[in-house]
Amino acid sequence: MSSRENRGLILFWEAIQIDKHLICQQFKPLVKKYAGIYRRSVPDAESEAWLALLQALYNFNPDLGVPLAGYLESRVKFGLLNLWRKEAKRKQMECQGDKAIEYVAAPDDPQAELV
């Protein structure tokens, strides 16, 4: 990377640091929208959406030619979807664990089970 490209990248990151608050204000409706979709099944969906937005800001590479708005939106949606999947898997494993405990704790007397 040339010193000119490096300087341009440094200027971009400095601009991101300055405008981080402004960008968060601009994307607040987007974060609220997608957090609302997952709010019932994922605790703290909004904070996870904000985290995904900030991580996307830090990982954004303008040299790839992807628009910032589209990149941020896709990262927020994917971050929440991924979190929802993990939560669903955790609940499924928890449910299977409960069934295993019931099976182990079942009495040896089938008549008692029926009653």
C-alpha atoms as a PDB file:
ATOM      1  CA  MET A   1       0.000   0.000   0.000  1.00  0.00           C
ATOM      2  CA  SER A   2       1.453   3.348  -0.986  1.00  0.00           C
ATOM      3  CA  SER A   3       1.793   6.200   1.473  1.00  0.00           C
ATOM      4  CA  ARG A   4      -0.903   8.124  -0.450  1.00  0.00           C
ATOM      5  CA  GLU A   5      -3.359   5.225  -0.107  1.00  0.00           C
ATOM      6  CA  ASN A   6      -2.386   4.802   3.528  1.00  0.00           C
ATOM      7  CA  ARG A   7      -2.991   8.511   4.199  1.00  0.00           C
ATOM      8  CA  GLY A   8      -6.391   8.273   2.493  1.00  0.00           C
ATOM      9  CA  LEU A   9      -7.335   5.322   4.670  1.00  0.00           C
ATOM     10  CA  ILE A  10      -6.223   7.172   7.803  1.00  0.00           C
ATOM     11  CA  LEU A  11      -8.323  10.190   6.822  1.00  0.00           C
ATOM     12  CA  PHE A  12     -11.319   7.903   6.221  1.00  0.00           C
ATOM     13  CA  TRP A  13     -10.982   6.280   9.673  1.00  0.00           C
ATOM     14  CA  GLU A  14     -10.639   9.691  11.309  1.00  0.00           C
ATOM     15  CA  ALA A  15     -13.812  10.817   9.545  1.00  0.00           C
ATOM     16  CA  ILE A  16     -15.609   7.683  10.728  1.00  0.00           C
ATOM     17  CA  GLN A  17     -14.549   8.419  14.318  1.00  0.00           C
ATOM     18  CA  ILE A  18     -15.882  11.969  14.091  1.00  0.00           C
ATOM     19  CA  ASP A  19     -19.108  11.036  12.367  1.00  0.00           C
ATOM     20  CA  LYS A  20     -19.831   7.891  14.383  1.00  0.00           C
ATOM     21  CA  HIS A  21     -22.482   9.650  16.450  1.00  0.00           C
ATOM     22  CA  LEU A  22     -24.024  11.184  13.328  1.00  0.00           C
ATOM     23  CA  ILE A  23     -24.080   7.807  11.554  1.00  0.00           C
ATOM     24  CA  CYS A  24     -25.703   6.165  14.585  1.00  0.00           C
ATOM     25  CA  GLN A  25     -28.403   8.836  14.615  1.00  0.00           C
ATOM     26  CA  GLN A  26     -28.995   8.340  10.900  1.00  0.00           C
ATOM     27  CA  PHE A  27     -29.308   4.551  11.226  1.00  0.00           C
ATOM     28  CA  LYS A  28     -31.346   4.568  14.460  1.00  0.00           C
ATOM     29  CA  PRO A  29     -34.639   3.747  12.647  1.00  0.00           C
ATOM     30  CA  LEU A  30     -32.975   0.811  10.877  1.00  0.00           C
ATOM     31  CA  VAL A  31     -31.624  -0.593  14.141  1.00  0.00           C
ATOM     32  CA  LYS A  32     -35.010  -0.195  15.834  1.00  0.00           C
ATOM     33  CA  LYS A  33     -36.794  -1.835  12.880  1.00  0.00           C
ATOM     34  CA  TYR A  34     -34.685  -4.984  12.784  1.00  0.00           C
ATOM     35  CA  ALA A  35     -34.408  -5.252  16.566  1.00  0.00           C
ATOM     36  CA  GLY A  36     -38.209  -5.132  16.720  1.00  0.00           C
ATOM     37  CA  ILE A  37     -38.434  -8.158  14.441  1.00  0.00           C
ATOM     38  CA  TYR A  38     -36.357 -10.310  16.808  1.00  0.00           C
ATOM     39  CA  ARG A  39     -37.308  -8.693  20.131  1.00  0.00           C
ATOM     40  CA  ARG A  40     -39.648 -11.504  21.245  1.00  0.00           C
ATOM     41  CA  SER A  41     -37.230 -14.363  20.686  1.00  0.00           C
ATOM     42  CA  VAL A  42     -33.876 -12.684  21.355  1.00  0.00           C
ATOM     43  CA  PRO A  43     -33.228 -10.846  24.596  1.00  0.00           C
ATOM     44  CA  ASP A  44     -31.383  -7.565  24.105  1.00  0.00           C
ATOM     45  CA  ALA A  45     -31.967  -7.561  20.351  1.00  0.00           C
ATOM     46  CA  GLU A  46     -31.538  -3.799  20.125  1.00  0.00           C
ATOM     47  CA  SER A  47     -28.164  -3.758  21.856  1.00  0.00           C
ATOM     48  CA  GLU A  48     -27.019  -6.576  19.588  1.00  0.00           C
ATOM     49  CA  ALA A  49     -28.167  -4.563  16.565  1.00  0.00           C
ATOM     50  CA  TRP A  50     -26.163  -1.550  17.756  1.00  0.00           C
ATOM     51  CA  LEU A  51     -23.135  -3.747  18.280  1.00  0.00           C
ATOM     52  CA  ALA A  52     -23.471  -5.149  14.754  1.00  0.00           C
ATOM     53  CA  LEU A  53     -23.747  -1.603  13.350  1.00  0.00           C
ATOM     54  CA  LEU A  54     -20.615  -0.399  15.138  1.00  0.00           C
ATOM     55  CA  GLN A  55     -18.634  -3.489  14.146  1.00  0.00           C
ATOM     56  CA  ALA A  56     -19.707  -2.948  10.547  1.00  0.00           C
ATOM     57  CA  LEU A  57     -18.521   0.670  10.726  1.00  0.00           C
ATOM     58  CA  TYR A  58     -15.089  -0.438  11.862  1.00  0.00           C
ATOM     59  CA  ASN A  59     -14.881  -3.221   9.262  1.00  0.00           C
ATOM     60  CA  PHE A  60     -16.149  -1.163   6.323  1.00  0.00           C
ATOM     61  CA  ASN A  61     -13.710  -0.898   3.423  1.00  0.00           C
ATOM     62  CA  PRO A  62     -14.570   1.902   0.987  1.00  0.00           C
ATOM     63  CA  ASP A  63     -12.089   0.540  -1.568  1.00  0.00           C
ATOM     64  CA  LEU A  64     -14.445  -2.358  -2.345  1.00  0.00           C
ATOM     65  CA  GLY A  65     -17.016  -0.006  -3.830  1.00  0.00           C
ATOM     66  CA  VAL A  66     -19.896  -1.171  -1.632  1.00  0.00           C
ATOM     67  CA  PRO A  67     -22.227   1.642  -0.477  1.00  0.00           C
ATOM     68  CA  LEU A  68     -21.936   2.272   3.260  1.00  0.00           C
ATOM     69  CA  ALA A  69     -25.698   2.279   3.872  1.00  0.00           C
ATOM     70  CA  GLY A  70     -26.246  -1.074   2.182  1.00  0.00           C
ATOM     71  CA  TYR A  71     -23.283  -2.627   3.965  1.00  0.00           C
ATOM     72  CA  LEU A  72     -24.453  -1.446   7.389  1.00  0.00           C
ATOM     73  CA  GLU A  73     -27.998  -2.650   6.789  1.00  0.00           C
ATOM     74  CA  SER A  74     -26.865  -6.095   5.667  1.00  0.00           C
ATOM     75  CA  ARG A  75     -24.516  -6.479   8.645  1.00  0.00           C
ATOM     76  CA  VAL A  76     -27.252  -5.502  11.132  1.00  0.00           C
ATOM     77  CA  LYS A  77     -29.738  -7.932   9.541  1.00  0.00           C
ATOM     78  CA  PHE A  78     -27.182 -10.747   9.394  1.00  0.00           C
ATOM     79  CA  GLY A  79     -25.990 -10.107  12.953  1.00  0.00           C
ATOM     80  CA  LEU A  80     -29.505 -10.360  14.347  1.00  0.00           C
ATOM     81  CA  LEU A  81     -30.394 -13.357  12.211  1.00  0.00           C
ATOM     82  CA  ASN A  82     -27.271 -15.160  13.367  1.00  0.00           C
ATOM     83  CA  LEU A  83     -28.054 -14.311  16.982  1.00  0.00           C
ATOM     84  CA  TRP A  84     -31.644 -15.555  16.526  1.00  0.00           C
ATOM     85  CA  ARG A  85     -30.344 -18.859  15.152  1.00  0.00           C
ATOM     86  CA  LYS A  86     -28.005 -19.303  18.112  1.00  0.00           C
ATOM     87  CA  GLU A  87     -30.829 -18.527  20.549  1.00  0.00           C
ATOM     88  CA  ALA A  88     -33.167 -21.006  18.819  1.00  0.00           C
ATOM     89  CA  LYS A  89     -30.474 -23.689  18.936  1.00  0.00           C
ATOM     90  CA  ARG A  90     -29.832 -22.991  22.624  1.00  0.00           C
ATOM     91  CA  LYS A  91     -33.550 -23.318  23.396  1.00  0.00           C
ATOM     92  CA  GLN A  92     -33.740 -26.547  21.413  1.00  0.00           C
ATOM     93  CA  MET A  93     -30.787 -28.011  23.306  1.00  0.00           C
ATOM     94  CA  GLU A  94     -32.305 -26.886  26.595  1.00  0.00           C
ATOM     95  CA  CYS A  95     -35.592 -28.582  25.708  1.00  0.00           C
ATOM     96  CA  GLN A  96     -33.835 -31.800  24.732  1.00  0.00           C
ATOM     97  CA  GLY A  97     -31.925 -31.691  28.017  1.00  0.00           C
ATOM     98  CA  ASP A  98     -35.193 -31.391  29.943  1.00  0.00           C
ATOM     99  CA  LYS A  99     -36.603 -34.441  28.129  1.00  0.00           C
ATOM    100  CA  ALA A 100     -33.467 -36.444  28.949  1.00  0.00           C
ATOM    101  CA  ILE A 101     -33.795 -35.558  32.628  1.00  0.00           C
ATOM    102  CA  GLU A 102     -37.469 -36.622  32.605  1.00  0.00           C
ATOM    103  CA  TYR A 103     -36.500 -39.935  31.013  1.00  0.00           C
ATOM    104  CA  VAL A 104     -33.778 -40.606  33.569  1.00  0.00           C
ATOM    105  CA  ALA A 105     -36.012 -39.582  36.470  1.00  0.00           C
ATOM    106  CA  ALA A 106     -38.928 -41.761  35.309  1.00  0.00           C
ATOM    107  CA  PRO A 107     -39.887 -44.505  37.770  1.00  0.00           C
ATOM    108  CA  ASP A 108     -39.261 -48.155  36.919  1.00  0.00           C
ATOM    109  CA  ASP A 109     -42.941 -48.969  37.448  1.00  0.00           C
ATOM    110  CA  PRO A 110     -44.932 -48.466  34.165  1.00  0.00           C
ATOM    111  CA  GLN A 111     -48.252 -48.442  36.077  1.00  0.00           C
ATOM    112  CA  ALA A 112     -47.044 -45.547  38.195  1.00  0.00           C
ATOM    113  CA  GLU A 113     -46.135 -43.694  35.008  1.00  0.00           C
ATOM    114  CA  LEU A 114     -49.646 -44.136  33.645  1.00  0.00           C
ATOM    115  CA  VAL A 115     -51.254 -42.900  36.828  1.00  0.00           C
END
